[in-house]
C-alpha atoms as a PDB file:
ATOM      1  CA  MET A   1      -0.003  -0.013   0.000  1.00  0.00           C
ATOM      2  CA  GLU A   2       2.811   2.445   0.868  1.00  0.00           C
ATOM      3  CA  ILE A   3       4.613   1.714  -2.438  1.00  0.00           C
ATOM      4  CA  ARG A   4       1.498   2.597  -4.459  1.00  0.00           C
ATOM      5  CA  TRP A   5       1.155   5.859  -2.526  1.00  0.00           C
ATOM      6  CA  LEU A   6       4.826   6.664  -3.192  1.00  0.00           C
ATOM      7  CA  LEU A   7       4.536   5.918  -6.906  1.00  0.00           C
ATOM      8  CA  ARG A   8       1.500   8.188  -7.210  1.00  0.00           C
ATOM      9  CA  LYS A   9       3.465  11.005  -5.596  1.00  0.00           C
ATOM     10  CA  LEU A  10       6.507  10.690  -7.843  1.00  0.00           C
ATOM     11  CA  ASP A  11       6.563  12.443 -11.187  1.00  0.00           C
ATOM     12  CA  LEU A  12       7.296  10.553 -14.416  1.00  0.00           C
ATOM     13  CA  MET A  13      11.022  11.381 -14.542  1.00  0.00           C
ATOM     14  CA  ASN A  14      11.548  10.129 -10.999  1.00  0.00           C
ATOM     15  CA  LYS A  15       9.662   6.923 -11.818  1.00  0.00           C
ATOM     16  CA  ILE A  16      11.871   6.332 -14.834  1.00  0.00           C
ATOM     17  CA  PHE A  17      15.006   7.045 -12.806  1.00  0.00           C
ATOM     18  CA  LEU A  18      13.921   4.603 -10.068  1.00  0.00           C
ATOM     19  CA  LEU A  19      13.048   2.002 -12.706  1.00  0.00           C
ATOM     20  CA  LEU A  20      16.546   2.268 -14.190  1.00  0.00           C
ATOM     21  CA  LEU A  21      18.068   2.153 -10.735  1.00  0.00           C
ATOM     22  CA  PHE A  22      16.292  -0.943  -9.469  1.00  0.00           C
ATOM     23  CA  THR A  23      15.840  -3.141 -12.535  1.00  0.00           C
ATOM     24  CA  THR A  24      18.132  -5.120 -14.756  1.00  0.00           C
ATOM     25  CA  PHE A  25      17.334  -5.114 -18.475  1.00  0.00           C
ATOM     26  CA  ASN A  26      18.780  -8.591 -19.104  1.00  0.00           C
ATOM     27  CA  LEU A  27      21.459 -10.986 -17.938  1.00  0.00           C
ATOM     28  CA  VAL A  28      24.145  -9.856 -20.408  1.00  0.00           C
ATOM     29  CA  SER A  29      23.818  -6.231 -19.442  1.00  0.00           C
ATOM     30  CA  GLN A  30      26.392  -4.743 -17.157  1.00  0.00           C
ATOM     31  CA  THR A  31      25.454  -1.869 -14.912  1.00  0.00           C
ATOM     32  CA  TYR A  32      28.027   0.762 -14.042  1.00  0.00           C
ATOM     33  CA  LEU A  33      27.357   3.448 -11.476  1.00  0.00           C
ATOM     34  CA  THR A  34      28.710   6.189  -9.269  1.00  0.00           C
ATOM     35  CA  ARG A  35      27.352   8.252  -6.435  1.00  0.00           C
ATOM     36  CA  THR A  36      30.255  10.698  -6.511  1.00  0.00           C
ATOM     37  CA  GLY A  37      29.990  12.095 -10.045  1.00  0.00           C
ATOM     38  CA  SER A  38      31.196  15.657 -10.559  1.00  0.00           C
ATOM     39  CA  THR A  39      28.894  18.254 -12.132  1.00  0.00           C
ATOM     40  CA  GLU A  40      29.960  21.905 -12.395  1.00  0.00           C
ATOM     41  CA  PHE A  41      28.459  25.005 -13.864  1.00  0.00           C
ATOM     42  CA  LYS A  42      29.695  28.498 -14.753  1.00  0.00           C
ATOM     43  CA  ALA A  43      27.436  31.461 -15.301  1.00  0.00           C
ATOM     44  CA  SER A  44      30.071  34.196 -15.133  1.00  0.00           C
ATOM     45  CA  VAL A  45      30.246  37.406 -17.088  1.00  0.00           C
ATOM     46  CA  ASP A  46      33.619  39.118 -17.539  1.00  0.00           C
ATOM     47  CA  ALA A  47      34.291  42.050 -15.171  1.00  0.00           C
ATOM     48  CA  PHE A  48      31.972  40.669 -12.470  1.00  0.00           C
ATOM     49  CA  GLU A  49      32.473  38.217  -9.620  1.00  0.00           C
ATOM     50  CA  PRO A  50      32.730  34.634 -10.946  1.00  0.00           C
ATOM     51  CA  ILE A  51      29.537  32.637 -10.656  1.00  0.00           C
ATOM     52  CA  LYS A  52      30.417  28.974 -10.511  1.00  0.00           C
ATOM     53  CA  ALA A  53      29.647  25.957  -8.382  1.00  0.00           C
ATOM     54  CA  SER A  54      30.423  22.263  -8.159  1.00  0.00           C
ATOM     55  CA  ASN A  55      28.469  19.229  -7.020  1.00  0.00           C
ATOM     56  CA  ASN A  56      30.410  16.045  -6.270  1.00  0.00           C
ATOM     57  CA  SER A  57      27.485  13.806  -5.354  1.00  0.00           C
ATOM     58  CA  THR A  58      25.800  13.127  -8.684  1.00  0.00           C
ATOM     59  CA  THR A  59      24.355   9.610  -8.909  1.00  0.00           C
ATOM     60  CA  VAL A  60      24.790   8.100 -12.388  1.00  0.00           C
ATOM     61  CA  ILE A  61      23.799   4.730 -13.834  1.00  0.00           C
ATOM     62  CA  LEU A  62      24.925   3.348 -17.206  1.00  0.00           C
ATOM     63  CA  LYS A  63      23.638   0.170 -18.870  1.00  0.00           C
ATOM     64  CA  THR A  64      26.448  -1.014 -21.137  1.00  0.00           C
ATOM     65  CA  ASN A  65      24.295  -3.126 -23.466  1.00  0.00           C
ATOM     66  CA  SER A  66      22.144  -0.155 -24.475  1.00  0.00           C
ATOM     67  CA  GLY A  67      24.086   2.962 -23.553  1.00  0.00           C
ATOM     68  CA  ASN A  68      21.128   4.089 -21.442  1.00  0.00           C
ATOM     69  CA  LEU A  69      22.270   6.610 -18.877  1.00  0.00           C
ATOM     70  CA  ALA A  70      20.457   8.226 -15.958  1.00  0.00           C
ATOM     71  CA  ALA A  71      21.857  10.932 -13.641  1.00  0.00           C
ATOM     72  CA  GLN A  72      20.363  12.630 -10.618  1.00  0.00           C
ATOM     73  CA  LEU A  73      21.708  15.289  -8.315  1.00  0.00           C
ATOM     74  CA  PHE A  74      20.402  17.403  -5.465  1.00  0.00           C
ATOM     75  CA  ILE A  75      20.579  21.081  -6.333  1.00  0.00           C
ATOM     76  CA  THR A  76      21.479  22.066  -2.752  1.00  0.00           C
ATOM     77  CA  ALA A  77      24.679  20.003  -3.085  1.00  0.00           C
ATOM     78  CA  PHE A  78      26.172  22.629  -5.412  1.00  0.00           C
ATOM     79  CA  LYS A  79      28.913  24.418  -3.494  1.00  0.00           C
ATOM     80  CA  PHE A  80      29.858  28.034  -4.180  1.00  0.00           C
ATOM     81  CA  LYS A  81      32.885  29.963  -3.022  1.00  0.00           C
ATOM     82  CA  VAL A  82      30.619  32.659  -1.546  1.00  0.00           C
ATOM     83  CA  ALA A  83      27.948  31.404   0.914  1.00  0.00           C
ATOM     84  CA  LEU A  84      25.549  34.246   0.130  1.00  0.00           C
ATOM     85  CA  MET A  85      25.672  33.350  -3.565  1.00  0.00           C
ATOM     86  CA  GLN A  86      24.780  29.750  -2.690  1.00  0.00           C
ATOM     87  CA  GLU A  87      21.853  30.935  -0.575  1.00  0.00           C
ATOM     88  CA  HIS A  88      20.476  33.155  -3.344  1.00  0.00           C
ATOM     89  CA  PHE A  89      20.958  30.349  -5.903  1.00  0.00           C
ATOM     90  CA  ASN A  90      18.916  27.869  -3.847  1.00  0.00           C
ATOM     91  CA  GLU A  91      16.196  30.201  -2.563  1.00  0.00           C
ATOM     92  CA  ASN A  92      15.723  32.860  -5.259  1.00  0.00           C
ATOM     93  CA  TYR A  93      16.600  31.113  -8.514  1.00  0.00           C
ATOM     94  CA  MET A  94      16.277  27.335  -8.181  1.00  0.00           C
ATOM     95  CA  ASP A  95      13.421  27.099  -5.643  1.00  0.00           C
ATOM     96  CA  THR A  96      15.047  24.021  -4.122  1.00  0.00           C
ATOM     97  CA  ASN A  97      12.315  23.575  -1.520  1.00  0.00           C
ATOM     98  CA  GLU A  98       9.907  22.823  -4.356  1.00  0.00           C
ATOM     99  CA  TYR A  99      12.354  21.390  -6.920  1.00  0.00           C
ATOM    100  CA  PRO A 100      15.203  19.699  -5.006  1.00  0.00           C
ATOM    101  CA  LYS A 101      16.647  17.577  -7.856  1.00  0.00           C
ATOM    102  CA  ALA A 102      17.921  17.784 -11.406  1.00  0.00           C
ATOM    103  CA  ILE A 103      17.537  14.620 -13.489  1.00  0.00           C
ATOM    104  CA  PHE A 104      18.972  13.584 -16.848  1.00  0.00           C
ATOM    105  CA  ILE A 105      17.777  10.513 -18.714  1.00  0.00           C
ATOM    106  CA  GLY A 106      19.413   9.780 -22.038  1.00  0.00           C
ATOM    107  CA  ASN A 107      21.606   7.586 -24.124  1.00  0.00           C
ATOM    108  CA  LEU A 108      25.204   7.275 -25.284  1.00  0.00           C
ATOM    109  CA  ASN A 109      24.268   6.535 -28.894  1.00  0.00           C
ATOM    110  CA  ASN A 110      25.884   3.418 -30.438  1.00  0.00           C
ATOM    111  CA  PHE A 111      27.746   2.744 -27.190  1.00  0.00           C
ATOM    112  CA  ASN A 112      29.937  -0.353 -27.292  1.00  0.00           C
ATOM    113  CA  LEU A 113      32.074  -1.079 -24.233  1.00  0.00           C
ATOM    114  CA  SER A 114      34.213  -3.626 -26.100  1.00  0.00           C
ATOM    115  CA  LYS A 115      35.365  -0.972 -28.608  1.00  0.00           C
ATOM    116  CA  ILE A 116      36.800   1.414 -26.016  1.00  0.00           C
ATOM    117  CA  SER A 117      40.570   1.099 -25.926  1.00  0.00           C
ATOM    118  CA  GLU A 118      41.291   4.822 -25.690  1.00  0.00           C
ATOM    119  CA  VAL A 119      39.152   7.944 -25.397  1.00  0.00           C
ATOM    120  CA  LYS A 120      36.183   7.526 -27.727  1.00  0.00           C
ATOM    121  CA  GLN A 121      33.528  10.100 -28.507  1.00  0.00           C
ATOM    122  CA  TYR A 122      29.815   9.294 -28.401  1.00  0.00           C
ATOM    123  CA  SER A 123      26.763  11.411 -29.041  1.00  0.00           C
ATOM    124  CA  LEU A 124      24.970  11.898 -25.754  1.00  0.00           C
ATOM    125  CA  SER A 125      21.327  12.878 -26.004  1.00  0.00           C
ATOM    126  CA  GLY A 126      18.376  12.908 -23.667  1.00  0.00           C
ATOM    127  CA  LYS A 127      16.152  15.015 -21.457  1.00  0.00           C
ATOM    128  CA  LEU A 128      17.346  17.225 -18.636  1.00  0.00           C
ATOM    129  CA  MET A 129      14.714  18.126 -16.032  1.00  0.00           C
ATOM    130  CA  ILE A 130      15.249  21.111 -13.771  1.00  0.00           C
ATOM    131  CA  ARG A 131      12.521  22.878 -11.803  1.00  0.00           C
ATOM    132  CA  GLY A 132       9.955  20.463 -13.265  1.00  0.00           C
ATOM    133  CA  ILE A 133      10.750  21.530 -16.854  1.00  0.00           C
ATOM    134  CA  GLU A 134      12.292  19.186 -19.435  1.00  0.00           C
ATOM    135  CA  LYS A 135      14.758  20.212 -22.111  1.00  0.00           C
ATOM    136  CA  GLU A 136      16.291  18.115 -24.859  1.00  0.00           C
ATOM    137  CA  ILE A 137      20.074  17.995 -24.540  1.00  0.00           C
ATOM    138  CA  SER A 138      22.499  16.827 -27.213  1.00  0.00           C
ATOM    139  CA  THR A 139      26.273  16.927 -26.884  1.00  0.00           C
ATOM    140  CA  ILE A 140      29.431  14.889 -27.414  1.00  0.00           C
ATOM    141  CA  ALA A 141      30.721  12.787 -24.516  1.00  0.00           C
ATOM    142  CA  ASN A 142      34.288  11.548 -24.169  1.00  0.00           C
ATOM    143  CA  VAL A 143      34.349   8.003 -22.802  1.00  0.00           C
ATOM    144  CA  ASN A 144      37.342   5.910 -21.774  1.00  0.00           C
ATOM    145  CA  LEU A 145      38.312   3.024 -19.528  1.00  0.00           C
ATOM    146  CA  ASP A 146      40.745   3.435 -16.664  1.00  0.00           C
ATOM    147  CA  ASP A 147      41.399   0.589 -14.183  1.00  0.00           C
ATOM    148  CA  GLU A 148      38.018  -0.996 -14.958  1.00  0.00           C
ATOM    149  CA  LYS A 149      36.216   2.322 -14.501  1.00  0.00           C
ATOM    150  CA  ILE A 150      34.202   3.939 -17.258  1.00  0.00           C
ATOM    151  CA  ILE A 151      34.992   7.648 -17.299  1.00  0.00           C
ATOM    152  CA  ILE A 152      32.509   9.936 -19.029  1.00  0.00           C
ATOM    153  CA  SER A 153      33.064  13.645 -19.498  1.00  0.00           C
ATOM    154  CA  ALA A 154      31.044  16.200 -21.449  1.00  0.00           C
ATOM    155  CA  THR A 155      30.061  19.842 -21.612  1.00  0.00           C
ATOM    156  CA  PHE A 156      26.920  21.610 -22.779  1.00  0.00           C
ATOM    157  CA  SER A 157      25.067  24.888 -22.281  1.00  0.00           C
ATOM    158  CA  VAL A 158      21.574  25.857 -21.197  1.00  0.00           C
ATOM    159  CA  SER A 159      19.815  29.163 -20.662  1.00  0.00           C
ATOM    160  CA  PRO A 160      18.094  30.186 -17.419  1.00  0.00           C
ATOM    161  CA  GLN A 161      14.979  30.846 -19.552  1.00  0.00           C
ATOM    162  CA  ASP A 162      14.957  27.160 -20.618  1.00  0.00           C
ATOM    163  CA  PHE A 163      13.852  26.285 -17.065  1.00  0.00           C
ATOM    164  CA  ASN A 164      11.796  29.389 -16.323  1.00  0.00           C
ATOM    165  CA  ILE A 165      14.499  30.809 -14.005  1.00  0.00           C
ATOM    166  CA  LYS A 166      13.792  34.484 -13.528  1.00  0.00           C
ATOM    167  CA  ILE A 167      16.827  36.746 -13.195  1.00  0.00           C
ATOM    168  CA  PRO A 168      16.071  40.076 -11.469  1.00  0.00           C
ATOM    169  CA  TYR A 169      16.840  43.130 -13.546  1.00  0.00           C
ATOM    170  CA  ALA A 170      19.345  44.413 -10.931  1.00  0.00           C
ATOM    171  CA  VAL A 171      21.683  41.421 -11.466  1.00  0.00           C
ATOM    172  CA  ARG A 172      20.824  40.480 -15.071  1.00  0.00           C
ATOM    173  CA  LYS A 173      24.087  41.880 -16.458  1.00  0.00           C
ATOM    174  CA  LYS A 174      26.121  39.905 -13.937  1.00  0.00           C
ATOM    175  CA  ILE A 175      24.792  36.474 -14.973  1.00  0.00           C
ATOM    176  CA  ALA A 176      25.603  34.912 -18.356  1.00  0.00           C
ATOM    177  CA  ASN A 177      22.831  34.214 -20.861  1.00  0.00           C
ATOM    178  CA  LYS A 178      24.276  30.724 -21.338  1.00  0.00           C
ATOM    179  CA  ILE A 179      25.163  28.538 -18.382  1.00  0.00           C
ATOM    180  CA  ASN A 180      28.088  26.218 -19.162  1.00  0.00           C
ATOM    181  CA  ILE A 181      27.765  22.807 -17.552  1.00  0.00           C
ATOM    182  CA  SER A 182      30.577  20.287 -17.371  1.00  0.00           C
ATOM    183  CA  LEU A 183      30.461  16.773 -15.998  1.00  0.00           C
ATOM    184  CA  LYS A 184      32.914  14.033 -15.182  1.00  0.00           C
ATOM    185  CA  TYR A 185      31.691  10.673 -13.988  1.00  0.00           C
ATOM    186  CA  GLU A 186      33.851   7.705 -12.947  1.00  0.00           C
ATOM    187  CA  LEU A 187      31.587   4.668 -12.949  1.00  0.00           C
ATOM    188  CA  THR A 188      32.392   1.247 -11.545  1.00  0.00           C
ATOM    189  CA  GLU A 189      30.659  -2.021 -12.307  1.00  0.00           C
ATOM    190  CA  LYS A 190      27.799  -2.890  -9.976  1.00  0.00           C
ATOM    191  CA  LYS A 191      28.345  -6.431  -8.788  1.00  0.00           C
END
């Protein structure tokens, strides 16, 4: 009874993320994961104080047979150099009380673990959900193996307007129109 109640309360993206997390697609599939993935963003404009933060607790799951990838992070885990900036980010821009997580569900297209002997590039595409709003993301991911870890790194940009983030006029010139996001995930096989 409690599980049904929980599923009704979760939105579709969370249901999909949980489904990927707790199921195995088939016996030949390997699952790689991390709970310490690094996600950073920069929203700086020259001549103003740098606006950047990092989050080192991104949870990421990769199914090697399909290239399916899911990532989830808590917005409040982004750390800024200036505490007041972090407070404004969470309370005034991201509304973390109402929207605590960012979720990405996508695919490393044509992913083939057996063909990675050095850094290989894959098209990474999927949906990013922030503040309850989904946006299609498409970028190139660098993937390599290092001591039985799959390392994935990529960069892409989004606009605050993509997620209905309102920037007050007084600070509009201090925040970039495009937010640059970079990620680096070191995934190990789930046994």
